[in-house]
Structures are given as C-alpha cells and as structure tokens.
Amino acid sequence: EDLLDSGEALHRFRREAGIIARLNHPNIVEIIDWEQLDNGAPCMVMELLRGESLNRLIKRVGPLPWDTIALVADQLCSALSVAHQAGVVHRDIKPDNVFLAMDDGGESRTKLLDFGVSKVHDSATIATADERLLGTPSYMAPEQADGRTDEIGPAGDVWALGRRSSGRGWR
C-alpha cells in the first residue's frame, strides 16, 4: 500500500511487465497480462509455476550435485542469452530470482524471475538517488556496486551467475 502513490514504483512495475512480456523464452517467466486494480494497485498475471526457488532448494537440501548445477546454469544461460540479445540486462541474478518449476509430467524447468531492476540498452533507466544500489549487493558485479551504471552490461549478469555469496551461492 505504501507504494500505491509512488509514480516511480508504478513506472517500474509497468516497465518490468513490458520487458518480460516481450522476452519469449521457456526459461523466462511468462507474463500473460498486467493492469491496475480498482484501488490503483498494479497487478501482473503470470504463468502459474509449481515448485520452489533455487534459494529454497539450497536451504532445504544443502549443496547441489554438479549435474543439477549444470542443468540449472545451462537453462539460465539460455534465458540470459535471449535477454541480452534483446538489450536487457537483468542486474539481480540470485537464487531467489531463479525458480525450479515442475510440470504435470514431473519435469523440472528453470525459470528466471524478477526483471524489476533490469537495464534496457538504449532506453532511459529510472533515476533514483540510490540507483547504484539497485539489485542485491552480494551478487553485484564491481561496476554495478560502484555505481558505474554506464558500464553495466551482460557481463554483470554472468558475474552474478558465477557468484558465491555467504559461502553458499549456487552450491
């Protein structure tokens, strides 16, 4: 409710919905529609995912076997490749934004979530006083953490993908 009167929050929401909606890839969460409710709250209608976040899985089972890490990383790299080709840098790659979805046949598929702080090449980014802090500090590439926004690119997402934070990271 605190954000209902924030033009910046509404702009960020619409921007995220538009970015994800135009990225058509099996490893990127699908946005079906977005709108504003009667009370002014924005609402995104996304595909229904059953499963758990990568972060929850790591907390539940501990270090993952290498074949699981390879499968998740391969699918994330595929999703990021499509995003990067479209000029989108996610800027917040971390286990909480990776979802391991199970289909009705029991197959797992990695889904990349939360493009809320992404950067779109050749478009204006949302100017905030703490723009350099957009994202999760322990997963930020040095140029992002230093606030060098003009240097943030696909390499920052690759940095975050390989990052081990707090001794846990992806494994």
Protein backbone atom coordinates (compact mmCIF):
# COMPACT_ATOMS: atom_id res chain seq x y z
CA GLU A 1 0.00 0.00 0.00
CA ASP A 2 2.89 2.37 0.71
CA LEU A 3 3.82 2.28 -2.98
CA LEU A 4 0.35 2.98 -4.42
CA ASP A 5 1.07 6.70 -4.54
CA SER A 6 4.58 6.26 -5.93
CA GLY A 7 4.76 7.16 -9.58
CA GLU A 8 8.24 5.64 -9.71
CA ALA A 9 7.02 2.29 -8.32
CA LEU A 10 4.17 2.17 -10.84
CA HIS A 11 6.55 3.07 -13.66
CA ARG A 12 8.99 0.35 -12.53
CA PHE A 13 6.14 -2.19 -12.40
CA ARG A 14 4.88 -1.35 -15.89
CA ARG A 15 8.41 -1.40 -17.21
CA GLU A 16 9.10 -4.85 -15.73
CA ALA A 17 5.85 -6.25 -17.13
CA GLY A 18 6.62 -4.86 -20.58
CA ILE A 19 10.19 -6.18 -20.55
CA ILE A 20 9.22 -9.70 -19.52
CA ALA A 21 6.23 -9.80 -21.87
CA ARG A 22 8.43 -9.21 -24.89
CA LEU A 23 11.00 -11.86 -23.90
CA ASN A 24 9.59 -15.12 -25.23
CA HIS A 25 11.70 -17.97 -23.84
CA PRO A 26 10.84 -21.19 -21.99
CA ASN A 27 13.23 -20.27 -19.15
CA ILE A 28 11.83 -16.77 -18.56
CA VAL A 29 8.59 -16.45 -16.61
CA GLU A 30 5.68 -15.67 -18.93
CA ILE A 31 3.62 -12.53 -18.36
CA ILE A 32 0.09 -13.06 -19.61
CA ASP A 33 -1.32 -9.61 -18.78
CA TRP A 34 -0.90 -6.62 -16.49
CA GLU A 35 -3.28 -3.96 -15.28
CA GLN A 36 -4.21 -1.68 -12.41
CA LEU A 37 -6.83 -2.82 -9.93
CA ASP A 38 -9.69 -0.56 -8.82
CA ASN A 39 -7.67 0.58 -5.78
CA GLY A 40 -4.79 1.62 -8.05
CA ALA A 41 -2.56 -1.35 -7.20
CA PRO A 42 -0.73 -2.80 -10.18
CA CYS A 43 -1.28 -6.47 -10.91
CA MET A 44 0.70 -8.87 -13.11
CA VAL A 45 -0.88 -12.08 -14.37
CA MET A 46 1.93 -14.60 -14.81
CA GLU A 47 2.01 -18.25 -15.68
CA LEU A 48 1.32 -20.50 -12.72
CA LEU A 49 4.53 -22.09 -11.51
CA ARG A 50 4.70 -25.05 -9.18
CA GLY A 51 7.99 -25.79 -7.47
CA GLU A 52 10.43 -23.74 -5.44
CA SER A 53 13.11 -21.10 -5.73
CA LEU A 54 16.71 -22.17 -6.12
CA ASN A 55 17.40 -20.46 -2.80
CA ARG A 56 14.78 -22.57 -1.02
CA LEU A 57 16.13 -25.75 -2.61
CA ILE A 58 19.68 -24.95 -1.48
CA LYS A 59 18.46 -24.23 2.06
CA ARG A 60 16.44 -27.45 2.08
CA VAL A 61 19.00 -29.92 0.66
CA GLY A 62 22.35 -28.16 1.00
CA PRO A 63 24.99 -28.27 -1.74
CA LEU A 64 23.55 -29.35 -5.07
CA PRO A 65 25.05 -32.13 -7.20
CA TRP A 66 27.03 -30.94 -10.21
CA ASP A 67 24.54 -32.35 -12.72
CA THR A 68 21.77 -30.22 -11.17
CA ILE A 69 24.00 -27.15 -11.16
CA ALA A 70 24.87 -27.76 -14.83
CA LEU A 71 21.22 -28.14 -15.84
CA VAL A 72 20.09 -25.00 -14.00
CA ALA A 73 23.06 -22.97 -15.25
CA ASP A 74 22.54 -24.13 -18.85
CA GLN A 75 18.90 -23.05 -18.77
CA LEU A 76 19.76 -19.73 -17.09
CA CYS A 77 22.46 -19.02 -19.67
CA SER A 78 19.94 -19.71 -22.44
CA ALA A 79 17.44 -17.28 -20.86
CA LEU A 80 20.10 -14.64 -20.32
CA SER A 81 21.32 -15.01 -23.90
CA VAL A 82 17.84 -14.14 -25.20
CA ALA A 83 17.52 -11.23 -22.75
CA HIS A 84 20.97 -9.88 -23.63
CA GLN A 85 20.28 -10.17 -27.38
CA ALA A 86 17.16 -8.06 -26.74
CA GLY A 87 19.29 -5.46 -24.95
CA VAL A 88 18.08 -6.39 -21.45
CA VAL A 89 20.48 -6.80 -18.53
CA HIS A 90 18.74 -8.41 -15.54
CA ARG A 91 21.02 -6.88 -12.81
CA ASP A 92 19.66 -9.09 -10.00
CA ILE A 93 20.64 -12.68 -10.78
CA LYS A 94 20.50 -14.60 -7.50
CA PRO A 95 19.00 -17.87 -6.22
CA ASP A 96 15.82 -16.10 -5.05
CA ASN A 97 15.12 -14.99 -8.64
CA VAL A 98 15.58 -18.47 -10.09
CA PHE A 99 12.57 -20.77 -9.86
CA LEU A 100 12.64 -24.51 -10.42
CA ALA A 101 9.19 -25.21 -11.89
CA MET A 102 7.72 -28.69 -12.12
CA ASP A 103 5.28 -29.54 -14.90
CA ASP A 104 2.48 -32.08 -14.62
CA GLY A 105 4.79 -34.77 -16.03
CA GLY A 106 7.34 -34.26 -13.26
CA GLU A 107 9.90 -32.48 -15.45
CA SER A 108 11.79 -29.54 -13.96
CA ARG A 109 12.39 -26.32 -15.85
CA THR A 110 14.38 -23.35 -14.63
CA LYS A 111 12.55 -20.01 -14.80
CA LEU A 112 14.23 -16.61 -14.47
CA LEU A 113 12.07 -14.19 -12.46
CA ASP A 114 12.03 -10.54 -11.37
CA PHE A 115 13.21 -8.10 -14.02
CA GLY A 116 12.25 -5.18 -11.75
CA VAL A 117 15.71 -3.60 -11.70
CA SER A 118 16.79 -4.61 -15.19
CA LYS A 119 18.55 -2.24 -17.52
CA VAL A 120 17.39 -1.90 -21.12
CA HIS A 121 20.06 -0.85 -23.61
CA ASP A 122 19.28 2.46 -25.34
CA SER A 123 16.42 3.38 -23.02
CA ALA A 124 16.20 5.69 -20.06
CA THR A 125 16.62 3.97 -16.74
CA ILE A 126 14.69 5.09 -13.72
CA ALA A 127 16.71 7.74 -11.96
CA THR A 128 16.81 7.31 -8.22
CA ALA A 129 19.09 8.65 -5.54
CA ASP A 130 20.31 5.13 -4.78
CA GLU A 131 20.37 3.78 -8.34
CA ARG A 132 23.76 2.23 -7.79
CA LEU A 133 22.17 0.04 -5.11
CA LEU A 134 19.52 -1.46 -7.39
CA GLY A 135 19.96 -5.19 -7.08
CA THR A 136 21.38 -7.37 -4.34
CA PRO A 137 24.79 -6.11 -3.20
CA SER A 138 26.36 -9.54 -2.61
CA TYR A 139 25.61 -10.52 -6.22
CA MET A 140 26.57 -7.24 -7.89
CA ALA A 141 29.44 -7.01 -10.33
CA PRO A 142 32.04 -4.41 -9.30
CA GLU A 143 30.86 -1.83 -11.84
CA GLN A 144 27.29 -2.14 -10.56
CA ALA A 145 28.30 -1.96 -6.90
CA ASP A 146 30.44 1.10 -7.65
CA GLY A 147 27.50 2.87 -9.31
CA ARG A 148 29.14 2.96 -12.76
CA THR A 149 25.77 2.49 -14.47
CA ASP A 150 27.14 3.31 -17.92
CA GLU A 151 29.41 0.24 -17.65
CA ILE A 152 26.71 -2.24 -16.59
CA GLY A 153 26.12 -4.85 -19.26
CA PRO A 154 25.66 -8.57 -19.83
CA ALA A 155 28.98 -9.33 -18.11
CA GLY A 156 27.38 -8.23 -14.81
CA ASP A 157 24.74 -10.94 -15.14
CA VAL A 158 27.46 -13.50 -15.88
CA TRP A 159 29.33 -12.29 -12.78
CA ALA A 160 26.24 -12.79 -10.63
CA LEU A 161 25.58 -16.22 -12.12
CA GLY A 162 29.02 -17.37 -11.01
CA ARG A 163 28.95 -15.59 -7.67
CA ARG A 164 29.16 -17.48 -4.39
CA SER A 165 27.69 -15.30 -1.68
CA SER A 166 27.96 -16.01 2.05
CA GLY A 167 29.74 -19.26 1.28
CA ARG A 168 26.56 -20.71 -0.27
CA GLY A 169 25.93 -19.17 -3.67
CA TRP A 170 24.65 -21.70 -6.18
CA ARG A 171 26.16 -24.69 -4.39
